[in-house]
Amino acid sequence: MNEKLNIELTSRQAESLCRLIASGEYEKPDEILAEALDEWLLWHSAEFGDAAVLKKLWDQEIASGPGEPLDVGKLREEARNRLEAANRGR
């Protein structure tokens, strides 16, 4: 469902909208504002929603103790072995 809202823009914001419409990139201001709001909502949901999850994961990892050196060669070999096993299973 769509809702109609009245908003006020600064003259700079209004001029920017008019330039985008004149360029042919958008047909009307609603499209620009809806896209901008979607981006803003996505950014805020990531900032406020996922930040708590990331903090919890970070805290768990810190609590698990010091890390160990990573042997990239062993990691690659393990990945190759898993890939080969998966391909044999097809």
C-alpha atoms as a PDB file:
ATOM      1  CA  MET A   1       0.000   0.000   0.000  1.00  0.00           C
ATOM      2  CA  ASN A   2       1.285   3.446  -0.851  1.00  0.00           C
ATOM      3  CA  GLU A   3       0.832   6.470   1.341  1.00  0.00           C
ATOM      4  CA  LYS A   4       0.968  10.050   0.221  1.00  0.00           C
ATOM      5  CA  LEU A   5       3.127  12.343   2.335  1.00  0.00           C
ATOM      6  CA  ASN A   6       3.950  16.006   1.977  1.00  0.00           C
ATOM      7  CA  ILE A   7       7.592  16.889   2.523  1.00  0.00           C
ATOM      8  CA  GLU A   8       9.623  20.051   2.403  1.00  0.00           C
ATOM      9  CA  LEU A   9      12.954  20.218   0.607  1.00  0.00           C
ATOM     10  CA  THR A  10      15.656  22.800   0.645  1.00  0.00           C
ATOM     11  CA  SER A  11      16.037  24.712  -2.608  1.00  0.00           C
ATOM     12  CA  ARG A  12      19.296  22.829  -3.233  1.00  0.00           C
ATOM     13  CA  GLN A  13      17.536  19.480  -2.810  1.00  0.00           C
ATOM     14  CA  ALA A  14      14.665  20.534  -5.085  1.00  0.00           C
ATOM     15  CA  GLU A  15      17.116  21.747  -7.757  1.00  0.00           C
ATOM     16  CA  SER A  16      18.946  18.426  -7.594  1.00  0.00           C
ATOM     17  CA  LEU A  17      15.687  16.542  -8.112  1.00  0.00           C
ATOM     18  CA  CYS A  18      14.823  18.751 -11.073  1.00  0.00           C
ATOM     19  CA  ARG A  19      18.250  18.147 -12.650  1.00  0.00           C
ATOM     20  CA  LEU A  20      17.864  14.367 -12.307  1.00  0.00           C
ATOM     21  CA  ILE A  21      14.429  14.505 -13.919  1.00  0.00           C
ATOM     22  CA  ALA A  22      15.687  16.792 -16.704  1.00  0.00           C
ATOM     23  CA  SER A  23      18.546  14.357 -17.397  1.00  0.00           C
ATOM     24  CA  GLY A  24      15.966  11.656 -18.112  1.00  0.00           C
ATOM     25  CA  GLU A  25      17.314   9.387 -15.392  1.00  0.00           C
ATOM     26  CA  TYR A  26      14.019   9.644 -13.521  1.00  0.00           C
ATOM     27  CA  GLU A  27      10.506  10.614 -14.575  1.00  0.00           C
ATOM     28  CA  LYS A  28       9.273  12.152 -11.347  1.00  0.00           C
ATOM     29  CA  PRO A  29      10.480  13.151  -7.882  1.00  0.00           C
ATOM     30  CA  ASP A  30       8.624  10.251  -6.230  1.00  0.00           C
ATOM     31  CA  GLU A  31      10.977   7.760  -7.897  1.00  0.00           C
ATOM     32  CA  ILE A  32      14.072   9.571  -6.661  1.00  0.00           C
ATOM     33  CA  LEU A  33      12.812   9.957  -3.117  1.00  0.00           C
ATOM     34  CA  ALA A  34      11.595   6.349  -2.909  1.00  0.00           C
ATOM     35  CA  GLU A  35      14.985   5.057  -4.095  1.00  0.00           C
ATOM     36  CA  ALA A  36      16.843   7.322  -1.682  1.00  0.00           C
ATOM     37  CA  LEU A  37      14.621   6.269   1.207  1.00  0.00           C
ATOM     38  CA  ASP A  38      15.081   2.585   0.377  1.00  0.00           C
ATOM     39  CA  GLU A  39      18.866   3.077   0.469  1.00  0.00           C
ATOM     40  CA  TRP A  40      18.621   4.957   3.752  1.00  0.00           C
ATOM     41  CA  LEU A  41      16.430   2.245   5.316  1.00  0.00           C
ATOM     42  CA  LEU A  42      18.797  -0.476   4.144  1.00  0.00           C
ATOM     43  CA  TRP A  43      21.775   1.361   5.638  1.00  0.00           C
ATOM     44  CA  HIS A  44      19.982   1.942   8.941  1.00  0.00           C
ATOM     45  CA  SER A  45      18.722  -1.620   9.198  1.00  0.00           C
ATOM     46  CA  ALA A  46      22.278  -2.833   8.708  1.00  0.00           C
ATOM     47  CA  GLU A  47      23.643  -0.312  11.166  1.00  0.00           C
ATOM     48  CA  PHE A  48      21.147  -0.951  13.936  1.00  0.00           C
ATOM     49  CA  GLY A  49      20.006  -4.507  13.271  1.00  0.00           C
ATOM     50  CA  ASP A  50      23.117  -6.346  12.214  1.00  0.00           C
ATOM     51  CA  ALA A  51      25.437  -4.357  14.441  1.00  0.00           C
ATOM     52  CA  ALA A  52      24.108  -6.177  17.506  1.00  0.00           C
ATOM     53  CA  VAL A  53      24.673  -9.534  15.814  1.00  0.00           C
ATOM     54  CA  LEU A  54      28.189  -8.559  14.766  1.00  0.00           C
ATOM     55  CA  LYS A  55      29.011  -7.320  18.267  1.00  0.00           C
ATOM     56  CA  LYS A  56      27.808 -10.600  19.774  1.00  0.00           C
ATOM     57  CA  LEU A  57      29.901 -12.625  17.313  1.00  0.00           C
ATOM     58  CA  TRP A  58      32.912 -10.395  17.954  1.00  0.00           C
ATOM     59  CA  ASP A  59      32.553 -10.815  21.726  1.00  0.00           C
ATOM     60  CA  GLN A  60      32.236 -14.602  21.370  1.00  0.00           C
ATOM     61  CA  GLU A  61      35.365 -14.753  19.257  1.00  0.00           C
ATOM     62  CA  ILE A  62      37.353 -12.618  21.705  1.00  0.00           C
ATOM     63  CA  ALA A  63      36.131 -14.791  24.585  1.00  0.00           C
ATOM     64  CA  SER A  64      37.286 -17.953  22.781  1.00  0.00           C
ATOM     65  CA  GLY A  65      40.907 -17.019  23.449  1.00  0.00           C
ATOM     66  CA  PRO A  66      43.903 -16.080  21.365  1.00  0.00           C
ATOM     67  CA  GLY A  67      43.991 -17.042  17.727  1.00  0.00           C
ATOM     68  CA  GLU A  68      46.423 -19.418  16.098  1.00  0.00           C
ATOM     69  CA  PRO A  69      48.597 -18.803  13.067  1.00  0.00           C
ATOM     70  CA  LEU A  70      46.863 -19.709   9.833  1.00  0.00           C
ATOM     71  CA  ASP A  71      48.597 -22.070   7.417  1.00  0.00           C
ATOM     72  CA  VAL A  72      47.239 -20.981   4.046  1.00  0.00           C
ATOM     73  CA  GLY A  73      48.819 -23.962   2.296  1.00  0.00           C
ATOM     74  CA  LYS A  74      46.977 -26.402   4.567  1.00  0.00           C
ATOM     75  CA  LEU A  75      43.773 -24.436   4.124  1.00  0.00           C
ATOM     76  CA  ARG A  76      44.045 -24.630   0.336  1.00  0.00           C
ATOM     77  CA  GLU A  77      44.842 -28.345   0.457  1.00  0.00           C
ATOM     78  CA  GLU A  78      41.814 -28.995   2.659  1.00  0.00           C
ATOM     79  CA  ALA A  79      39.617 -26.979   0.302  1.00  0.00           C
ATOM     80  CA  ARG A  80      40.921 -28.931  -2.721  1.00  0.00           C
ATOM     81  CA  ASN A  81      40.292 -32.232  -0.947  1.00  0.00           C
ATOM     82  CA  ARG A  82      36.741 -31.220  -0.067  1.00  0.00           C
ATOM     83  CA  LEU A  83      36.082 -30.085  -3.638  1.00  0.00           C
ATOM     84  CA  GLU A  84      37.438 -33.317  -5.072  1.00  0.00           C
ATOM     85  CA  ALA A  85      35.341 -35.368  -2.633  1.00  0.00           C
ATOM     86  CA  ALA A  86      32.238 -33.380  -3.563  1.00  0.00           C
ATOM     87  CA  ASN A  87      32.938 -33.884  -7.280  1.00  0.00           C
ATOM     88  CA  ARG A  88      33.404 -37.636  -6.780  1.00  0.00           C
ATOM     89  CA  GLY A  89      30.046 -37.761  -5.027  1.00  0.00           C
ATOM     90  CA  ARG A  90      28.190 -36.369  -8.041  1.00  0.00           C
END
